[in-house]
Amino acid sequence: MTNTEKGQDAAETAGSARFGRLPKRIRLEDTIQEVPATSPDPAKDTYNPDEWVVRNAPL
């Protein structure tokens, strides 16, 4: 064997050791993360529909 053949054999062995097997299977349930689309707005329900009367009614 020449020096280049030994280097190729070593590279093939290292590549086979690294890429010779497929990774473990990942379940679909483990790939999904559920988060709320938006965070709740604390000022959302503070609107008072009768507030215009207080602000615009003459004294």
PDB file of N, CA and C in Angstrom:
ATOM      1  N   MET A   1       0.840  -1.186   0.000  1.00  0.00           N
ATOM      2  CA  MET A   1       0.000   0.000   0.000  1.00  0.00           C
ATOM      3  C   MET A   1       0.875   1.235   0.000  1.00  0.00           C
ATOM      4  N   THR A   2       0.437   2.183  -0.746  1.00  0.00           N
ATOM      5  CA  THR A   2       1.183   3.435  -0.745  1.00  0.00           C
ATOM      6  C   THR A   2       0.633   4.340   0.334  1.00  0.00           C
ATOM      7  N   ASN A   3       1.296   5.445   0.506  1.00  0.00           N
ATOM      8  CA  ASN A   3       0.914   6.397   1.543  1.00  0.00           C
ATOM      9  C   ASN A   3      -0.470   6.993   1.263  1.00  0.00           C
ATOM     10  N   THR A   4      -0.783   7.238   0.003  1.00  0.00           N
ATOM     11  CA  THR A   4      -2.090   7.826  -0.324  1.00  0.00           C
ATOM     12  C   THR A   4      -3.203   6.823  -0.111  1.00  0.00           C
ATOM     13  N   GLU A   5      -2.952   5.542  -0.369  1.00  0.00           N
ATOM     14  CA  GLU A   5      -3.979   4.530  -0.144  1.00  0.00           C
ATOM     15  C   GLU A   5      -4.267   4.389   1.343  1.00  0.00           C
ATOM     16  N   LYS A   6      -3.234   4.479   2.167  1.00  0.00           N
ATOM     17  CA  LYS A   6      -3.440   4.410   3.618  1.00  0.00           C
ATOM     18  C   LYS A   6      -4.259   5.600   4.092  1.00  0.00           C
ATOM     19  N   GLY A   7      -3.967   6.766   3.527  1.00  0.00           N
ATOM     20  CA  GLY A   7      -4.720   7.957   3.905  1.00  0.00           C
ATOM     21  C   GLY A   7      -6.179   7.859   3.485  1.00  0.00           C
ATOM     22  N   GLN A   8      -6.424   7.287   2.310  1.00  0.00           N
ATOM     23  CA  GLN A   8      -7.807   7.113   1.852  1.00  0.00           C
ATOM     24  C   GLN A   8      -8.526   6.097   2.711  1.00  0.00           C
ATOM     25  N   ASP A   9      -7.836   5.005   3.068  1.00  0.00           N
ATOM     26  CA  ASP A   9      -8.455   3.995   3.926  1.00  0.00           C
ATOM     27  C   ASP A   9      -8.798   4.583   5.294  1.00  0.00           C
ATOM     28  N   ALA A  10      -7.902   5.388   5.829  1.00  0.00           N
ATOM     29  CA  ALA A  10      -8.161   6.015   7.128  1.00  0.00           C
ATOM     30  C   ALA A  10      -9.331   6.989   7.029  1.00  0.00           C
ATOM     31  N   ALA A  11      -9.394   7.727   5.927  1.00  0.00           N
ATOM     32  CA  ALA A  11     -10.497   8.667   5.743  1.00  0.00           C
ATOM     33  C   ALA A  11     -11.815   7.930   5.576  1.00  0.00           C
ATOM     34  N   GLU A  12     -11.793   6.815   4.838  1.00  0.00           N
ATOM     35  CA  GLU A  12     -13.007   6.016   4.667  1.00  0.00           C
ATOM     36  C   GLU A  12     -13.460   5.423   5.996  1.00  0.00           C
ATOM     37  N   THR A  13     -12.530   4.952   6.785  1.00  0.00           N
ATOM     38  CA  THR A  13     -12.864   4.375   8.089  1.00  0.00           C
ATOM     39  C   THR A  13     -13.449   5.441   9.011  1.00  0.00           C
ATOM     40  N   ALA A  14     -12.840   6.622   9.013  1.00  0.00           N
ATOM     41  CA  ALA A  14     -13.344   7.707   9.867  1.00  0.00           C
ATOM     42  C   ALA A  14     -14.721   8.162   9.390  1.00  0.00           C
ATOM     43  N   GLY A  15     -14.897   8.266   8.087  1.00  0.00           N
ATOM     44  CA  GLY A  15     -16.202   8.669   7.551  1.00  0.00           C
ATOM     45  C   GLY A  15     -17.261   7.632   7.823  1.00  0.00           C
ATOM     46  N   SER A  16     -16.904   6.370   7.716  1.00  0.00           N
ATOM     47  CA  SER A  16     -17.854   5.302   7.991  1.00  0.00           C
ATOM     48  C   SER A  16     -18.246   5.284   9.464  1.00  0.00           C
ATOM     49  N   ALA A  17     -17.288   5.546  10.331  1.00  0.00           N
ATOM     50  CA  ALA A  17     -17.590   5.572  11.768  1.00  0.00           C
ATOM     51  C   ALA A  17     -18.509   6.733  12.103  1.00  0.00           C
ATOM     52  N   ARG A  18     -18.318   7.837  11.418  1.00  0.00           N
ATOM     53  CA  ARG A  18     -19.110   9.026  11.726  1.00  0.00           C
ATOM     54  C   ARG A  18     -20.475   8.994  11.048  1.00  0.00           C
ATOM     55  N   PHE A  19     -20.516   8.571   9.784  1.00  0.00           N
ATOM     56  CA  PHE A  19     -21.741   8.653   9.005  1.00  0.00           C
ATOM     57  C   PHE A  19     -22.302   7.286   8.633  1.00  0.00           C
ATOM     58  N   GLY A  20     -21.816   6.234   9.241  1.00  0.00           N
ATOM     59  CA  GLY A  20     -22.237   4.892   8.886  1.00  0.00           C
ATOM     60  C   GLY A  20     -23.627   4.534   9.365  1.00  0.00           C
ATOM     61  N   ARG A  21     -24.143   5.224  10.365  1.00  0.00           N
ATOM     62  CA  ARG A  21     -25.471   4.916  10.906  1.00  0.00           C
ATOM     63  C   ARG A  21     -26.341   6.157  10.846  1.00  0.00           C
ATOM     64  N   LEU A  22     -27.623   5.948  10.731  1.00  0.00           N
ATOM     65  CA  LEU A  22     -28.562   7.058  10.783  1.00  0.00           C
ATOM     66  C   LEU A  22     -28.757   7.490  12.233  1.00  0.00           C
ATOM     67  N   PRO A  23     -29.090   8.759  12.472  1.00  0.00           N
ATOM     68  CA  PRO A  23     -29.349   9.189  13.852  1.00  0.00           C
ATOM     69  C   PRO A  23     -30.634   8.563  14.371  1.00  0.00           C
ATOM     70  N   LYS A  24     -30.829   8.633  15.666  1.00  0.00           N
ATOM     71  CA  LYS A  24     -32.049   8.102  16.273  1.00  0.00           C
ATOM     72  C   LYS A  24     -33.261   8.802  15.686  1.00  0.00           C
ATOM     73  N   ARG A  25     -34.340   8.068  15.589  1.00  0.00           N
ATOM     74  CA  ARG A  25     -35.579   8.618  15.052  1.00  0.00           C
ATOM     75  C   ARG A  25     -36.202   9.564  16.092  1.00  0.00           C
ATOM     76  N   ILE A  26     -36.697  10.712  15.633  1.00  0.00           N
ATOM     77  CA  ILE A  26     -37.337  11.691  16.510  1.00  0.00           C
ATOM     78  C   ILE A  26     -38.833  11.634  16.267  1.00  0.00           C
ATOM     79  N   ARG A  27     -39.600  11.484  17.343  1.00  0.00           N
ATOM     80  CA  ARG A  27     -41.052  11.420  17.206  1.00  0.00           C
ATOM     81  C   ARG A  27     -41.596  12.787  16.812  1.00  0.00           C
ATOM     82  N   LEU A  28     -42.691  12.804  16.069  1.00  0.00           N
ATOM     83  CA  LEU A  28     -43.304  14.044  15.637  1.00  0.00           C
ATOM     84  C   LEU A  28     -43.740  14.888  16.835  1.00  0.00           C
ATOM     85  N   GLU A  29     -44.205  14.254  17.888  1.00  0.00           N
ATOM     86  CA  GLU A  29     -44.649  14.976  19.085  1.00  0.00           C
ATOM     87  C   GLU A  29     -43.500  15.748  19.725  1.00  0.00           C
ATOM     88  N   ASP A  30     -42.283  15.267  19.538  1.00  0.00           N
ATOM     89  CA  ASP A  30     -41.122  15.933  20.123  1.00  0.00           C
ATOM     90  C   ASP A  30     -40.635  17.104  19.284  1.00  0.00           C
ATOM     91  N   THR A  31     -41.161  17.265  18.075  1.00  0.00           N
ATOM     92  CA  THR A  31     -40.702  18.332  17.197  1.00  0.00           C
ATOM     93  C   THR A  31     -41.630  19.531  17.201  1.00  0.00           C
ATOM     94  N   ILE A  32     -42.743  19.459  17.909  1.00  0.00           N
ATOM     95  CA  ILE A  32     -43.728  20.535  17.913  1.00  0.00           C
ATOM     96  C   ILE A  32     -43.707  21.237  19.259  1.00  0.00           C
ATOM     97  N   GLN A  33     -43.732  22.553  19.228  1.00  0.00           N
ATOM     98  CA  GLN A  33     -43.795  23.340  20.449  1.00  0.00           C
ATOM     99  C   GLN A  33     -44.977  24.294  20.318  1.00  0.00           C
ATOM    100  N   GLU A  34     -45.885  24.250  21.269  1.00  0.00           N
ATOM    101  CA  GLU A  34     -47.048  25.120  21.225  1.00  0.00           C
ATOM    102  C   GLU A  34     -46.836  26.304  22.154  1.00  0.00           C
ATOM    103  N   VAL A  35     -46.963  27.488  21.606  1.00  0.00           N
ATOM    104  CA  VAL A  35     -46.879  28.717  22.383  1.00  0.00           C
ATOM    105  C   VAL A  35     -48.020  29.624  21.953  1.00  0.00           C
ATOM    106  N   PRO A  36     -48.520  30.469  22.838  1.00  0.00           N
ATOM    107  CA  PRO A  36     -49.585  31.386  22.432  1.00  0.00           C
ATOM    108  C   PRO A  36     -49.094  32.355  21.365  1.00  0.00           C
ATOM    109  N   ALA A  37     -49.987  32.707  20.448  1.00  0.00           N
ATOM    110  CA  ALA A  37     -49.611  33.600  19.353  1.00  0.00           C
ATOM    111  C   ALA A  37     -49.257  34.990  19.874  1.00  0.00           C
ATOM    112  N   THR A  38     -50.003  35.473  20.828  1.00  0.00           N
ATOM    113  CA  THR A  38     -49.716  36.770  21.439  1.00  0.00           C
ATOM    114  C   THR A  38     -49.909  36.643  22.938  1.00  0.00           C
ATOM    115  N   SER A  39     -49.276  37.510  23.670  1.00  0.00           N
ATOM    116  CA  SER A  39     -49.488  37.505  25.107  1.00  0.00           C
ATOM    117  C   SER A  39     -50.759  38.297  25.408  1.00  0.00           C
ATOM    118  N   PRO A  40     -51.475  37.947  26.455  1.00  0.00           N
ATOM    119  CA  PRO A  40     -52.705  38.665  26.786  1.00  0.00           C
ATOM    120  C   PRO A  40     -52.425  40.135  27.098  1.00  0.00           C
ATOM    121  N   ASP A  41     -53.274  41.000  26.601  1.00  0.00           N
ATOM    122  CA  ASP A  41     -53.125  42.440  26.810  1.00  0.00           C
ATOM    123  C   ASP A  41     -53.903  42.827  28.059  1.00  0.00           C
ATOM    124  N   PRO A  42     -53.245  43.308  29.113  1.00  0.00           N
ATOM    125  CA  PRO A  42     -53.966  43.657  30.337  1.00  0.00           C
ATOM    126  C   PRO A  42     -54.906  44.851  30.143  1.00  0.00           C
ATOM    127  N   ALA A  43     -54.652  45.705  29.159  1.00  0.00           N
ATOM    128  CA  ALA A  43     -55.506  46.869  28.950  1.00  0.00           C
ATOM    129  C   ALA A  43     -56.681  46.571  28.014  1.00  0.00           C
ATOM    130  N   LYS A  44     -56.797  45.339  27.571  1.00  0.00           N
ATOM    131  CA  LYS A  44     -57.824  44.999  26.593  1.00  0.00           C
ATOM    132  C   LYS A  44     -59.238  45.203  27.141  1.00  0.00           C
ATOM    133  N   ASP A  45     -59.493  44.768  28.330  1.00  0.00           N
ATOM    134  CA  ASP A  45     -60.841  44.815  28.881  1.00  0.00           C
ATOM    135  C   ASP A  45     -61.076  46.028  29.772  1.00  0.00           C
ATOM    136  N   THR A  46     -60.256  47.048  29.663  1.00  0.00           N
ATOM    137  CA  THR A  46     -60.447  48.232  30.492  1.00  0.00           C
ATOM    138  C   THR A  46     -61.312  49.284  29.808  1.00  0.00           C
ATOM    139  N   TYR A  47     -61.749  49.030  28.575  1.00  0.00           N
ATOM    140  CA  TYR A  47     -62.570  50.001  27.859  1.00  0.00           C
ATOM    141  C   TYR A  47     -63.962  50.054  28.470  1.00  0.00           C
ATOM    142  N   ASN A  48     -64.410  51.261  28.738  1.00  0.00           N
ATOM    143  CA  ASN A  48     -65.743  51.480  29.262  1.00  0.00           C
ATOM    144  C   ASN A  48     -66.546  52.168  28.168  1.00  0.00           C
ATOM    145  N   PRO A  49     -67.607  51.546  27.642  1.00  0.00           N
ATOM    146  CA  PRO A  49     -68.347  52.152  26.543  1.00  0.00           C
ATOM    147  C   PRO A  49     -69.065  53.451  26.933  1.00  0.00           C
ATOM    148  N   ASP A  50     -69.267  53.672  28.211  1.00  0.00           N
ATOM    149  CA  ASP A  50     -69.938  54.908  28.643  1.00  0.00           C
ATOM    150  C   ASP A  50     -68.951  56.014  28.984  1.00  0.00           C
ATOM    151  N   GLU A  51     -67.696  55.807  28.774  1.00  0.00           N
ATOM    152  CA  GLU A  51     -66.696  56.806  29.115  1.00  0.00           C
ATOM    153  C   GLU A  51     -66.868  58.078  28.281  1.00  0.00           C
ATOM    154  N   TRP A  52     -67.353  57.976  27.046  1.00  0.00           N
ATOM    155  CA  TRP A  52     -67.523  59.154  26.208  1.00  0.00           C
ATOM    156  C   TRP A  52     -68.507  60.140  26.851  1.00  0.00           C
ATOM    157  N   VAL A  53     -69.484  59.610  27.610  1.00  0.00           N
ATOM    158  CA  VAL A  53     -70.431  60.488  28.274  1.00  0.00           C
ATOM    159  C   VAL A  53     -69.718  61.330  29.330  1.00  0.00           C
ATOM    160  N   VAL A  54     -68.864  60.699  30.093  1.00  0.00           N
ATOM    161  CA  VAL A  54     -68.145  61.392  31.141  1.00  0.00           C
ATOM    162  C   VAL A  54     -67.236  62.462  30.546  1.00  0.00           C
ATOM    163  N   ARG A  55     -66.589  62.157  29.449  1.00  0.00           N
ATOM    164  CA  ARG A  55     -65.640  63.087  28.848  1.00  0.00           C
ATOM    165  C   ARG A  55     -66.312  64.188  28.031  1.00  0.00           C
ATOM    166  N   ASN A  56     -67.470  63.927  27.448  1.00  0.00           N
ATOM    167  CA  ASN A  56     -68.058  64.876  26.506  1.00  0.00           C
ATOM    168  C   ASN A  56     -69.358  65.527  26.969  1.00  0.00           C
ATOM    169  N   ALA A  57     -69.919  65.098  28.064  1.00  0.00           N
ATOM    170  CA  ALA A  57     -71.179  65.677  28.517  1.00  0.00           C
ATOM    171  C   ALA A  57     -70.904  67.053  29.151  1.00  0.00           C
ATOM    172  N   PRO A  58     -71.755  68.033  28.827  1.00  0.00           N
ATOM    173  CA  PRO A  58     -71.572  69.351  29.454  1.00  0.00           C
ATOM    174  C   PRO A  58     -71.864  69.277  30.951  1.00  0.00           C
ATOM    175  N   LEU A  59     -71.219  70.099  31.676  1.00  0.00           N
ATOM    176  CA  LEU A  59     -71.411  70.124  33.125  1.00  0.00           C
ATOM    177  C   LEU A  59     -72.591  70.892  33.520  1.00  0.00           C
TER     178      LEU A  59
END
